[in-house]
Amino acid sequence: MNHLFIRHKVSNFAAWKDSYDSHAASRASAGLTELHLLRSIDNPNEVVMLFSVADLNKAQAFAASDDLRSAMQKAGVTDKPDVYFLN
């Protein structure tokens, strides 16, 4: 089973979470299933996500997509995300 791990900081977690939730259909279309959504204890605006990946090619295309980049910018992501595909 493959996984996708993402870590990034956001300007406001509540606003980011609303945007994140509204993007759920896009993640599902890419074959991603959320396993964990976590926040740093030291910085509650630092977010870590772990997804299971049903289709690695679709997930990689999604991770590199302009759609995701735009959604992250709109949601208030403030740094360059760390993105790792794992197995």
Protein backbone atom coordinates (compact mmCIF):
# COMPACT_ATOMS: atom_id res chain seq x y z
CA MET A 1 0.00 0.00 0.00
CA ASN A 2 1.26 3.46 -0.93
CA HIS A 3 0.82 6.59 1.15
CA LEU A 4 1.08 10.33 0.69
CA PHE A 5 2.50 12.46 3.53
CA ILE A 6 2.15 16.26 3.44
CA ARG A 7 3.38 18.84 5.96
CA HIS A 8 2.90 22.60 5.71
CA LYS A 9 2.08 25.71 7.71
CA VAL A 10 -1.08 27.75 7.34
CA SER A 11 -1.99 31.29 8.35
CA ASN A 12 -5.19 30.25 10.16
CA PHE A 13 -6.11 26.64 10.82
CA ALA A 14 -9.89 27.15 10.96
CA ALA A 15 -9.95 28.97 7.60
CA TRP A 16 -7.57 26.42 6.08
CA LYS A 17 -9.74 23.52 7.35
CA ASP A 18 -12.85 24.96 5.67
CA SER A 19 -10.97 25.16 2.35
CA TYR A 20 -9.47 21.71 2.86
CA ASP A 21 -12.88 20.19 3.49
CA SER A 22 -14.31 21.83 0.37
CA HIS A 23 -11.56 20.18 -1.71
CA ALA A 24 -12.46 16.62 -0.56
CA ALA A 25 -13.98 15.57 -3.89
CA SER A 26 -10.73 16.39 -5.72
CA ARG A 27 -8.74 14.27 -3.28
CA ALA A 28 -11.19 11.40 -3.66
CA SER A 29 -10.96 11.64 -7.47
CA ALA A 30 -7.19 11.31 -7.12
CA GLY A 31 -7.63 8.09 -5.16
CA LEU A 32 -6.63 9.60 -1.81
CA THR A 33 -8.20 8.56 1.47
CA GLU A 34 -7.37 10.62 4.55
CA LEU A 35 -5.92 8.51 7.35
CA HIS A 36 -4.67 11.26 9.66
CA LEU A 37 -4.95 15.03 9.88
CA LEU A 38 -2.75 16.32 12.68
CA ARG A 39 -1.58 19.66 14.07
CA SER A 40 1.71 20.40 15.75
CA ILE A 41 1.50 20.83 19.51
CA ASP A 42 4.10 23.62 19.31
CA ASN A 43 2.44 25.41 16.39
CA PRO A 44 -1.26 24.66 15.80
CA ASN A 45 -0.95 26.26 12.34
CA GLU A 46 1.45 23.52 11.23
CA VAL A 47 -0.52 20.69 9.64
CA VAL A 48 0.46 17.11 8.83
CA MET A 49 -1.68 14.83 6.67
CA LEU A 50 -1.34 11.16 5.80
CA PHE A 51 -3.39 9.59 3.00
CA SER A 52 -3.64 6.11 1.62
CA VAL A 53 -3.10 6.08 -2.15
CA ALA A 54 -5.27 3.87 -4.36
CA ASP A 55 -3.62 4.91 -7.65
CA LEU A 56 -0.06 6.21 -7.46
CA ASN A 57 -0.13 7.85 -10.91
CA LYS A 58 -3.35 9.75 -10.17
CA ALA A 59 -2.07 10.82 -6.76
CA GLN A 60 1.25 12.05 -8.18
CA ALA A 61 -0.59 14.02 -10.88
CA PHE A 62 -2.86 15.53 -8.24
CA ALA A 63 0.10 16.50 -6.02
CA ALA A 64 1.75 18.30 -8.96
CA SER A 65 -1.46 19.91 -10.24
CA ASP A 66 -2.22 23.59 -10.63
CA ASP A 67 -5.59 22.84 -9.02
CA LEU A 68 -3.94 21.75 -5.78
CA ARG A 69 -1.43 24.59 -5.87
CA SER A 70 -4.26 27.10 -6.31
CA ALA A 71 -6.37 25.50 -3.56
CA MET A 72 -3.43 25.60 -1.14
CA GLN A 73 -2.72 29.24 -1.90
CA LYS A 74 -6.40 30.15 -1.46
CA ALA A 75 -6.55 28.20 1.82
CA GLY A 76 -3.65 30.17 3.30
CA VAL A 77 -0.69 27.78 3.10
CA THR A 78 2.28 29.93 4.09
CA ASP A 79 5.32 27.80 3.29
CA LYS A 80 6.50 25.29 0.74
CA PRO A 81 4.80 21.98 1.55
CA ASP A 82 6.84 18.89 2.24
CA VAL A 83 5.32 16.14 0.07
CA TYR A 84 6.41 12.51 0.27
CA PHE A 85 5.08 9.40 -1.41
CA LEU A 86 5.77 6.39 0.81
CA ASN A 87 5.31 2.62 0.69
